[in-house]
Amino acid sequence: MERLVNSAKILGFRSLPYTAQELVEAAKRTVAANGYTECYIRPLVYLSGGGWNLNIDGGKPGVGIAVWEWNNYLGTEALERGVRANISSFTRHHPNVMMTKAKITGNYANSFLAKTESVRLGFDEAIMLDPQGYVAECTGENLFIVQRGAIYTPNLAPVLEGITRDSIIALAEDVGYAVVEAQVSRDQLYAADEVFVCGTAAECIALREIDFRVIGNGTMGPVTRSIQHAFQDAVHGKHARSAEWLDYVESTVHVPLRKTGSA
């Protein structure tokens, strides 16, 4: 919710009708009202009236929160097998064209174009390069590569700072892996021992093939597997970090709710 508030500020809203903590409580009430034990949360700040003049000051902000049941974004089988990806012909937004640090609905036209192209070509996901030609992220996930026991991830300049990304970095460091933020080139993907992606919807998924090149041995590697298991434990209340990372929805029984919201 803090990222939602910051995204609204980046877009240009001068104020919001609710604080981040009030939005957290509203999300928990929405989940409880729908009776879900596991679901996706989509909070949305929108321009209410006046937006037709393309001036954000012409209207006022409204807020809506939707929740719905949603199984793994890339498919249940993907959790074990991993997925196939390709380098998209569409470039990730330039930071001075669309604000890449804000989760803005309009930014996703870029992802729609890339994802649709890749699926029509027979892949499961698209990898997008930044305007300088380095790896940025996928259409809805942050990306990591594993090489000789170290984990690398693209630096923050061109990517949306995913909350799941932050969680994965913390979990990886907990078990002794060094995580380095750096520019990642396309050819580094092909030569990596492992490649995996993460996001609120996708969770933690291996990429077993990129541009028809098999990554590692073509299955989920040991580093990805250990981090995936740690992540699943964390979000289901079975990890040492669960007490810090989980919140609870008031209902007949306490149900852990991920603080990540929509990433």
C-alpha atoms as a PDB file:
ATOM      1  CA  MET A   1       0.000   0.000   0.000  1.00  0.00           C
ATOM      2  CA  GLU A   2       2.957   2.293   0.551  1.00  0.00           C
ATOM      3  CA  ARG A   3       3.973   1.645  -3.053  1.00  0.00           C
ATOM      4  CA  LEU A   4       0.423   2.465  -4.170  1.00  0.00           C
ATOM      5  CA  VAL A   5       0.586   5.785  -2.330  1.00  0.00           C
ATOM      6  CA  ASN A   6       4.013   6.497  -3.815  1.00  0.00           C
ATOM      7  CA  SER A   7       2.794   5.547  -7.304  1.00  0.00           C
ATOM      8  CA  ALA A   8      -0.055   8.056  -6.994  1.00  0.00           C
ATOM      9  CA  LYS A   9       2.440  10.715  -5.900  1.00  0.00           C
ATOM     10  CA  ILE A  10       4.742   9.910  -8.827  1.00  0.00           C
ATOM     11  CA  LEU A  11       1.830  10.151 -11.264  1.00  0.00           C
ATOM     12  CA  GLY A  12       1.033  13.591  -9.887  1.00  0.00           C
ATOM     13  CA  PHE A  13      -1.839  13.273  -7.393  1.00  0.00           C
ATOM     14  CA  ARG A  14      -1.333  15.980  -4.782  1.00  0.00           C
ATOM     15  CA  SER A  15      -3.175  14.077  -2.057  1.00  0.00           C
ATOM     16  CA  LEU A  16      -5.118  10.881  -1.431  1.00  0.00           C
ATOM     17  CA  PRO A  17      -8.285  10.399   0.643  1.00  0.00           C
ATOM     18  CA  TYR A  18      -6.768   7.500   2.632  1.00  0.00           C
ATOM     19  CA  THR A  19      -3.468   6.668   4.281  1.00  0.00           C
ATOM     20  CA  ALA A  20      -1.528   3.495   3.504  1.00  0.00           C
ATOM     21  CA  GLN A  21      -2.626   1.968   6.811  1.00  0.00           C
ATOM     22  CA  GLU A  22      -6.282   2.761   6.114  1.00  0.00           C
ATOM     23  CA  LEU A  23      -5.925   1.045   2.729  1.00  0.00           C
ATOM     24  CA  VAL A  24      -4.398  -1.991   4.432  1.00  0.00           C
ATOM     25  CA  GLU A  25      -7.389  -2.251   6.756  1.00  0.00           C
ATOM     26  CA  ALA A  26      -9.795  -1.789   3.839  1.00  0.00           C
ATOM     27  CA  ALA A  27      -8.096  -4.609   1.936  1.00  0.00           C
ATOM     28  CA  LYS A  28      -8.366  -6.940   4.926  1.00  0.00           C
ATOM     29  CA  ARG A  29     -12.067  -6.131   5.310  1.00  0.00           C
ATOM     30  CA  THR A  30     -12.610  -6.787   1.591  1.00  0.00           C
ATOM     31  CA  VAL A  31     -10.917 -10.197   1.817  1.00  0.00           C
ATOM     32  CA  ALA A  32     -12.926 -11.084   4.936  1.00  0.00           C
ATOM     33  CA  ALA A  33     -16.207 -10.000   3.344  1.00  0.00           C
ATOM     34  CA  ASN A  34     -15.576 -12.366   0.435  1.00  0.00           C
ATOM     35  CA  GLY A  35     -14.550 -15.257   2.678  1.00  0.00           C
ATOM     36  CA  TYR A  36     -11.321 -16.047   0.861  1.00  0.00           C
ATOM     37  CA  THR A  37      -8.468 -17.982   2.452  1.00  0.00           C
ATOM     38  CA  GLU A  38      -6.160 -17.253  -0.504  1.00  0.00           C
ATOM     39  CA  CYS A  39      -6.711 -14.620  -3.168  1.00  0.00           C
ATOM     40  CA  TYR A  40      -5.271 -11.819  -5.270  1.00  0.00           C
ATOM     41  CA  ILE A  41      -5.684  -8.241  -4.055  1.00  0.00           C
ATOM     42  CA  ARG A  42      -5.898  -5.364  -6.525  1.00  0.00           C
ATOM     43  CA  PRO A  43      -6.137  -1.894  -4.983  1.00  0.00           C
ATOM     44  CA  LEU A  44      -6.638   0.899  -7.506  1.00  0.00           C
ATOM     45  CA  VAL A  45      -6.444   4.673  -7.285  1.00  0.00           C
ATOM     46  CA  TYR A  46      -8.297   6.299 -10.165  1.00  0.00           C
ATOM     47  CA  LEU A  47      -9.129   9.809 -11.360  1.00  0.00           C
ATOM     48  CA  SER A  48     -12.754  10.545 -10.535  1.00  0.00           C
ATOM     49  CA  GLY A  49     -14.129  13.166 -12.907  1.00  0.00           C
ATOM     50  CA  GLY A  50     -12.209  15.796 -14.839  1.00  0.00           C
ATOM     51  CA  GLY A  51      -9.706  13.464 -16.407  1.00  0.00           C
ATOM     52  CA  TRP A  52     -10.964  14.137 -19.922  1.00  0.00           C
ATOM     53  CA  ASN A  53      -8.771  17.249 -20.103  1.00  0.00           C
ATOM     54  CA  LEU A  54      -5.601  15.158 -19.481  1.00  0.00           C
ATOM     55  CA  ASN A  55      -4.843  17.218 -16.381  1.00  0.00           C
ATOM     56  CA  ILE A  56      -4.670  15.225 -13.186  1.00  0.00           C
ATOM     57  CA  ASP A  57      -5.592  18.341 -11.229  1.00  0.00           C
ATOM     58  CA  GLY A  58      -8.926  18.462 -13.082  1.00  0.00           C
ATOM     59  CA  GLY A  59     -10.416  15.641 -11.009  1.00  0.00           C
ATOM     60  CA  LYS A  60     -10.070  14.010  -7.639  1.00  0.00           C
ATOM     61  CA  PRO A  61      -8.724  10.600  -6.638  1.00  0.00           C
ATOM     62  CA  GLY A  62     -11.034   7.683  -5.979  1.00  0.00           C
ATOM     63  CA  VAL A  63     -10.084   4.305  -4.553  1.00  0.00           C
ATOM     64  CA  GLY A  64     -11.361   0.795  -5.232  1.00  0.00           C
ATOM     65  CA  ILE A  65     -10.193  -2.595  -3.979  1.00  0.00           C
ATOM     66  CA  ALA A  66     -10.946  -5.862  -5.770  1.00  0.00           C
ATOM     67  CA  VAL A  67     -10.113  -9.388  -4.609  1.00  0.00           C
ATOM     68  CA  TRP A  68     -10.529 -12.646  -6.465  1.00  0.00           C
ATOM     69  CA  GLU A  69      -9.414 -16.249  -6.299  1.00  0.00           C
ATOM     70  CA  TRP A  70      -6.492 -16.854  -8.618  1.00  0.00           C
ATOM     71  CA  ASN A  71      -4.290 -19.900  -8.984  1.00  0.00           C
ATOM     72  CA  ASN A  72      -0.689 -19.538 -10.078  1.00  0.00           C
ATOM     73  CA  TYR A  73      -0.409 -16.929 -12.826  1.00  0.00           C
ATOM     74  CA  LEU A  74       1.756 -19.062 -15.109  1.00  0.00           C
ATOM     75  CA  GLY A  75      -0.022 -22.331 -14.324  1.00  0.00           C
ATOM     76  CA  THR A  76       0.265 -24.879 -11.525  1.00  0.00           C
ATOM     77  CA  GLU A  77       2.562 -27.089 -13.600  1.00  0.00           C
ATOM     78  CA  ALA A  78       4.976 -24.168 -13.967  1.00  0.00           C
ATOM     79  CA  LEU A  79       5.802 -24.308 -10.254  1.00  0.00           C
ATOM     80  CA  GLU A  80       7.613 -27.605 -10.818  1.00  0.00           C
ATOM     81  CA  ARG A  81       8.641 -27.591 -14.481  1.00  0.00           C
ATOM     82  CA  GLY A  82       9.350 -23.931 -15.121  1.00  0.00           C
ATOM     83  CA  VAL A  83       8.300 -22.085 -18.275  1.00  0.00           C
ATOM     84  CA  ARG A  84       9.614 -21.100 -21.703  1.00  0.00           C
ATOM     85  CA  ALA A  85      10.364 -17.460 -22.485  1.00  0.00           C
ATOM     86  CA  ASN A  86      11.762 -15.320 -25.286  1.00  0.00           C
ATOM     87  CA  ILE A  87      13.286 -11.883 -25.634  1.00  0.00           C
ATOM     88  CA  SER A  88      10.483  -9.572 -26.676  1.00  0.00           C
ATOM     89  CA  SER A  89      10.676  -7.280 -29.672  1.00  0.00           C
ATOM     90  CA  PHE A  90       9.094  -4.641 -27.411  1.00  0.00           C
ATOM     91  CA  THR A  91      11.428  -2.582 -25.208  1.00  0.00           C
ATOM     92  CA  ARG A  92      10.711  -1.880 -21.564  1.00  0.00           C
ATOM     93  CA  HIS A  93       9.668   1.717 -20.883  1.00  0.00           C
ATOM     94  CA  HIS A  94      12.342   4.388 -20.786  1.00  0.00           C
ATOM     95  CA  PRO A  95      12.396   5.847 -17.243  1.00  0.00           C
ATOM     96  CA  ASN A  96      11.742   9.344 -18.598  1.00  0.00           C
ATOM     97  CA  VAL A  97       8.896   8.247 -20.884  1.00  0.00           C
ATOM     98  CA  MET A  98       6.788   6.292 -18.397  1.00  0.00           C
ATOM     99  CA  MET A  99       7.603   6.359 -14.710  1.00  0.00           C
ATOM    100  CA  THR A 100       9.058   2.890 -14.149  1.00  0.00           C
ATOM    101  CA  LYS A 101       8.982   3.123 -10.339  1.00  0.00           C
ATOM    102  CA  ALA A 102       5.216   3.576 -10.265  1.00  0.00           C
ATOM    103  CA  LYS A 103       2.695   0.785 -10.693  1.00  0.00           C
ATOM    104  CA  ILE A 104       0.478   2.636 -13.171  1.00  0.00           C
ATOM    105  CA  THR A 105      -2.264   0.895 -15.125  1.00  0.00           C
ATOM    106  CA  GLY A 106      -1.252   2.585 -18.388  1.00  0.00           C
ATOM    107  CA  ASN A 107       2.250   1.129 -18.111  1.00  0.00           C
ATOM    108  CA  TYR A 108       0.774  -2.303 -18.680  1.00  0.00           C
ATOM    109  CA  ALA A 109       0.010  -1.621 -22.355  1.00  0.00           C
ATOM    110  CA  ASN A 110       3.730  -2.298 -22.788  1.00  0.00           C
ATOM    111  CA  SER A 111       3.338  -5.661 -21.042  1.00  0.00           C
ATOM    112  CA  PHE A 112       0.197  -6.572 -22.992  1.00  0.00           C
ATOM    113  CA  LEU A 113       2.027  -6.070 -26.279  1.00  0.00           C
ATOM    114  CA  ALA A 114       5.020  -8.150 -25.213  1.00  0.00           C
ATOM    115  CA  LYS A 115       3.099 -10.961 -23.512  1.00  0.00           C
ATOM    116  CA  THR A 116       0.602 -11.376 -26.354  1.00  0.00           C
ATOM    117  CA  GLU A 117       3.391 -11.516 -28.912  1.00  0.00           C
ATOM    118  CA  SER A 118       5.272 -14.168 -26.950  1.00  0.00           C
ATOM    119  CA  VAL A 119       2.243 -16.379 -26.314  1.00  0.00           C
ATOM    120  CA  ARG A 120       1.301 -16.228 -29.994  1.00  0.00           C
ATOM    121  CA  LEU A 121       4.844 -17.350 -30.800  1.00  0.00           C
ATOM    122  CA  GLY A 122       4.419 -20.361 -28.514  1.00  0.00           C
ATOM    123  CA  PHE A 123       6.210 -19.124 -25.385  1.00  0.00           C
ATOM    124  CA  ASP A 124       4.814 -18.665 -21.893  1.00  0.00           C
ATOM    125  CA  GLU A 125       6.402 -15.338 -21.012  1.00  0.00           C
ATOM    126  CA  ALA A 126       8.342 -12.425 -22.499  1.00  0.00           C
ATOM    127  CA  ILE A 127      11.626 -10.943 -21.281  1.00  0.00           C
ATOM    128  CA  MET A 128      11.934  -7.231 -21.970  1.00  0.00           C
ATOM    129  CA  LEU A 129      15.177  -5.338 -22.493  1.00  0.00           C
ATOM    130  CA  ASP A 130      15.692  -1.776 -21.318  1.00  0.00           C
ATOM    131  CA  PRO A 131      16.348   1.099 -23.758  1.00  0.00           C
ATOM    132  CA  GLN A 132      20.106   0.410 -23.528  1.00  0.00           C
ATOM    133  CA  GLY A 133      19.640  -3.246 -24.505  1.00  0.00           C
ATOM    134  CA  TYR A 134      20.175  -4.800 -21.080  1.00  0.00           C
ATOM    135  CA  VAL A 135      17.712  -7.172 -19.412  1.00  0.00           C
ATOM    136  CA  ALA A 136      14.996  -5.316 -17.493  1.00  0.00           C
ATOM    137  CA  GLU A 137      12.179  -7.632 -16.422  1.00  0.00           C
ATOM    138  CA  CYS A 138       9.364  -9.814 -17.700  1.00  0.00           C
ATOM    139  CA  THR A 139       5.856  -8.543 -18.383  1.00  0.00           C
ATOM    140  CA  GLY A 140       4.750  -9.053 -14.786  1.00  0.00           C
ATOM    141  CA  GLU A 141       7.782 -10.386 -12.949  1.00  0.00           C
ATOM    142  CA  ASN A 142      11.273  -9.416 -11.855  1.00  0.00           C
ATOM    143  CA  LEU A 143      14.100 -11.633 -13.102  1.00  0.00           C
ATOM    144  CA  PHE A 144      17.129 -13.333 -11.497  1.00  0.00           C
ATOM    145  CA  ILE A 145      19.977 -15.404 -12.920  1.00  0.00           C
ATOM    146  CA  VAL A 146      22.165 -17.899 -11.080  1.00  0.00           C
ATOM    147  CA  GLN A 147      25.787 -18.283 -12.142  1.00  0.00           C
ATOM    148  CA  ARG A 148      28.451 -20.231 -10.226  1.00  0.00           C
ATOM    149  CA  GLY A 149      26.558 -20.031  -6.947  1.00  0.00           C
ATOM    150  CA  ALA A 150      25.842 -16.286  -7.057  1.00  0.00           C
ATOM    151  CA  ILE A 151      22.514 -14.651  -7.914  1.00  0.00           C
ATOM    152  CA  TYR A 152      22.311 -11.593 -10.167  1.00  0.00           C
ATOM    153  CA  THR A 153      19.312  -9.366 -10.827  1.00  0.00           C
ATOM    154  CA  PRO A 154      18.967  -6.259 -13.026  1.00  0.00           C
ATOM    155  CA  ASN A 155      19.576  -3.005 -11.217  1.00  0.00           C
ATOM    156  CA  LEU A 156      16.615  -0.870 -10.228  1.00  0.00           C
ATOM    157  CA  ALA A 157      16.846   1.872 -12.860  1.00  0.00           C
ATOM    158  CA  PRO A 158      14.545   0.331 -15.522  1.00  0.00           C
ATOM    159  CA  VAL A 159      12.337  -1.961 -13.405  1.00  0.00           C
ATOM    160  CA  LEU A 160       9.341  -1.817 -11.119  1.00  0.00           C
ATOM    161  CA  GLU A 161      10.602  -2.455  -7.591  1.00  0.00           C
ATOM    162  CA  GLY A 162       8.585  -5.571  -6.821  1.00  0.00           C
ATOM    163  CA  ILE A 163       7.759  -6.376  -3.228  1.00  0.00           C
ATOM    164  CA  THR A 164       8.148 -10.067  -4.037  1.00  0.00           C
ATOM    165  CA  ARG A 165      11.580  -9.211  -5.476  1.00  0.00           C
ATOM    166  CA  ASP A 166      12.591  -7.736  -2.127  1.00  0.00           C
ATOM    167  CA  SER A 167      11.285 -10.844  -0.353  1.00  0.00           C
ATOM    168  CA  ILE A 168      13.210 -13.191  -2.652  1.00  0.00           C
ATOM    169  CA  ILE A 169      16.448 -11.257  -2.067  1.00  0.00           C
ATOM    170  CA  ALA A 170      15.976 -11.483   1.704  1.00  0.00           C
ATOM    171  CA  LEU A 171      15.211 -15.218   1.570  1.00  0.00           C
ATOM    172  CA  ALA A 172      18.199 -15.891  -0.693  1.00  0.00           C
ATOM    173  CA  GLU A 173      20.545 -14.038   1.630  1.00  0.00           C
ATOM    174  CA  ASP A 174      19.074 -15.905   4.612  1.00  0.00           C
ATOM    175  CA  VAL A 175      20.360 -19.186   3.191  1.00  0.00           C
ATOM    176  CA  GLY A 176      23.746 -17.799   2.219  1.00  0.00           C
ATOM    177  CA  TYR A 177      23.430 -16.763  -1.428  1.00  0.00           C
ATOM    178  CA  ALA A 178      24.984 -13.470  -2.483  1.00  0.00           C
ATOM    179  CA  VAL A 179      22.545 -11.347  -4.520  1.00  0.00           C
ATOM    180  CA  VAL A 180      24.142  -8.744  -6.814  1.00  0.00           C
ATOM    181  CA  GLU A 181      22.244  -5.947  -8.550  1.00  0.00           C
ATOM    182  CA  ALA A 182      23.939  -5.273 -11.882  1.00  0.00           C
ATOM    183  CA  GLN A 183      23.380  -4.767 -15.576  1.00  0.00           C
ATOM    184  CA  VAL A 184      22.498  -8.145 -17.080  1.00  0.00           C
ATOM    185  CA  SER A 185      23.050  -8.780 -20.785  1.00  0.00           C
ATOM    186  CA  ARG A 186      20.939 -10.990 -22.989  1.00  0.00           C
ATOM    187  CA  ASP A 187      23.751 -13.477 -23.553  1.00  0.00           C
ATOM    188  CA  GLN A 188      24.229 -13.878 -19.800  1.00  0.00           C
ATOM    189  CA  LEU A 189      20.730 -15.367 -19.703  1.00  0.00           C
ATOM    190  CA  TYR A 190      21.650 -18.047 -22.220  1.00  0.00           C
ATOM    191  CA  ALA A 191      24.796 -19.057 -20.335  1.00  0.00           C
ATOM    192  CA  ALA A 192      23.251 -18.973 -16.845  1.00  0.00           C
ATOM    193  CA  ASP A 193      23.093 -22.043 -14.651  1.00  0.00           C
ATOM    194  CA  GLU A 194      19.549 -21.079 -13.670  1.00  0.00           C
ATOM    195  CA  VAL A 195      17.085 -18.292 -14.416  1.00  0.00           C
ATOM    196  CA  PHE A 196      13.973 -17.592 -12.377  1.00  0.00           C
ATOM    197  CA  VAL A 197      11.343 -14.890 -12.091  1.00  0.00           C
ATOM    198  CA  CYS A 198       9.117 -13.684  -9.283  1.00  0.00           C
ATOM    199  CA  GLY A 199       6.004 -11.597  -8.735  1.00  0.00           C
ATOM    200  CA  THR A 200       2.871 -11.508  -6.626  1.00  0.00           C
ATOM    201  CA  ALA A 201       0.901 -13.496  -9.200  1.00  0.00           C
ATOM    202  CA  ALA A 202       3.714 -15.689 -10.576  1.00  0.00           C
ATOM    203  CA  GLU A 203       5.325 -16.216  -7.143  1.00  0.00           C
ATOM    204  CA  CYS A 204       8.725 -17.883  -7.854  1.00  0.00           C
ATOM    205  CA  ILE A 205       9.083 -19.737 -11.163  1.00  0.00           C
ATOM    206  CA  ALA A 206      12.053 -21.122 -13.116  1.00  0.00           C
ATOM    207  CA  LEU A 207      12.661 -20.300 -16.766  1.00  0.00           C
ATOM    208  CA  ARG A 208      13.723 -23.602 -18.296  1.00  0.00           C
ATOM    209  CA  GLU A 209      14.231 -22.275 -21.847  1.00  0.00           C
ATOM    210  CA  ILE A 210      14.910 -18.839 -23.364  1.00  0.00           C
ATOM    211  CA  ASP A 211      14.898 -18.180 -27.112  1.00  0.00           C
ATOM    212  CA  PHE A 212      15.024 -21.942 -27.796  1.00  0.00           C
ATOM    213  CA  ARG A 213      18.134 -22.273 -25.618  1.00  0.00           C
ATOM    214  CA  VAL A 214      17.846 -24.710 -22.724  1.00  0.00           C
ATOM    215  CA  ILE A 215      18.816 -23.129 -19.408  1.00  0.00           C
ATOM    216  CA  GLY A 216      20.963 -25.410 -17.246  1.00  0.00           C
ATOM    217  CA  ASN A 217      19.614 -28.929 -17.579  1.00  0.00           C
ATOM    218  CA  GLY A 218      16.171 -27.751 -18.667  1.00  0.00           C
ATOM    219  CA  THR A 219      14.509 -28.149 -15.279  1.00  0.00           C
ATOM    220  CA  MET A 220      14.243 -26.087 -12.127  1.00  0.00           C
ATOM    221  CA  GLY A 221      17.693 -25.834 -10.594  1.00  0.00           C
ATOM    222  CA  PRO A 222      18.641 -26.371  -6.948  1.00  0.00           C
ATOM    223  CA  VAL A 223      19.031 -22.676  -6.101  1.00  0.00           C
ATOM    224  CA  THR A 224      15.640 -21.792  -7.570  1.00  0.00           C
ATOM    225  CA  ARG A 225      14.051 -24.761  -5.818  1.00  0.00           C
ATOM    226  CA  SER A 226      15.423 -23.788  -2.411  1.00  0.00           C
ATOM    227  CA  ILE A 227      14.243 -20.192  -2.786  1.00  0.00           C
ATOM    228  CA  GLN A 228      10.857 -21.255  -4.130  1.00  0.00           C
ATOM    229  CA  HIS A 229      10.325 -23.546  -1.133  1.00  0.00           C
ATOM    230  CA  ALA A 230      11.414 -20.803   1.284  1.00  0.00           C
ATOM    231  CA  PHE A 231       9.015 -18.355  -0.348  1.00  0.00           C
ATOM    232  CA  GLN A 232       6.101 -20.788  -0.186  1.00  0.00           C
ATOM    233  CA  ASP A 233       6.856 -21.471   3.476  1.00  0.00           C
ATOM    234  CA  ALA A 234       7.070 -17.752   4.219  1.00  0.00           C
ATOM    235  CA  VAL A 235       3.714 -16.849   2.707  1.00  0.00           C
ATOM    236  CA  HIS A 236       1.959 -19.815   4.318  1.00  0.00           C
ATOM    237  CA  GLY A 237       3.136 -19.114   7.860  1.00  0.00           C
ATOM    238  CA  LYS A 238       5.829 -21.813   8.021  1.00  0.00           C
ATOM    239  CA  HIS A 239       8.998 -19.710   7.898  1.00  0.00           C
ATOM    240  CA  ALA A 240      10.971 -17.697  10.431  1.00  0.00           C
ATOM    241  CA  ARG A 241      10.100 -14.525   8.497  1.00  0.00           C
ATOM    242  CA  SER A 242       6.366 -15.263   8.456  1.00  0.00           C
ATOM    243  CA  ALA A 243       5.708 -13.401  11.716  1.00  0.00           C
ATOM    244  CA  GLU A 244       7.280 -10.280  10.201  1.00  0.00           C
ATOM    245  CA  TRP A 245       5.759 -10.568   6.726  1.00  0.00           C
ATOM    246  CA  LEU A 246       2.217 -11.843   7.306  1.00  0.00           C
ATOM    247  CA  ASP A 247      -0.839  -9.915   8.394  1.00  0.00           C
ATOM    248  CA  TYR A 248      -4.133 -11.389   9.522  1.00  0.00           C
ATOM    249  CA  VAL A 249      -7.712 -11.045   8.345  1.00  0.00           C
ATOM    250  CA  GLU A 250     -10.320 -11.006  11.095  1.00  0.00           C
ATOM    251  CA  SER A 251     -12.794 -13.829  10.499  1.00  0.00           C
ATOM    252  CA  THR A 252     -13.954 -16.937  12.340  1.00  0.00           C
ATOM    253  CA  VAL A 253     -10.361 -18.127  12.137  1.00  0.00           C
ATOM    254  CA  HIS A 254      -7.185 -16.128  11.603  1.00  0.00           C
ATOM    255  CA  VAL A 255      -6.049 -16.491   7.996  1.00  0.00           C
ATOM    256  CA  PRO A 256      -2.525 -15.324   6.978  1.00  0.00           C
ATOM    257  CA  LEU A 257      -2.658 -12.641   4.308  1.00  0.00           C
ATOM    258  CA  ARG A 258       0.406 -11.639   2.313  1.00  0.00           C
ATOM    259  CA  LYS A 259       1.408  -8.063   2.814  1.00  0.00           C
ATOM    260  CA  THR A 260       2.663  -7.932  -0.773  1.00  0.00           C
ATOM    261  CA  GLY A 261      -0.745  -6.923  -2.184  1.00  0.00           C
ATOM    262  CA  SER A 262      -0.313  -6.474  -5.933  1.00  0.00           C
ATOM    263  CA  ALA A 263       3.199  -6.650  -7.240  1.00  0.00           C
END
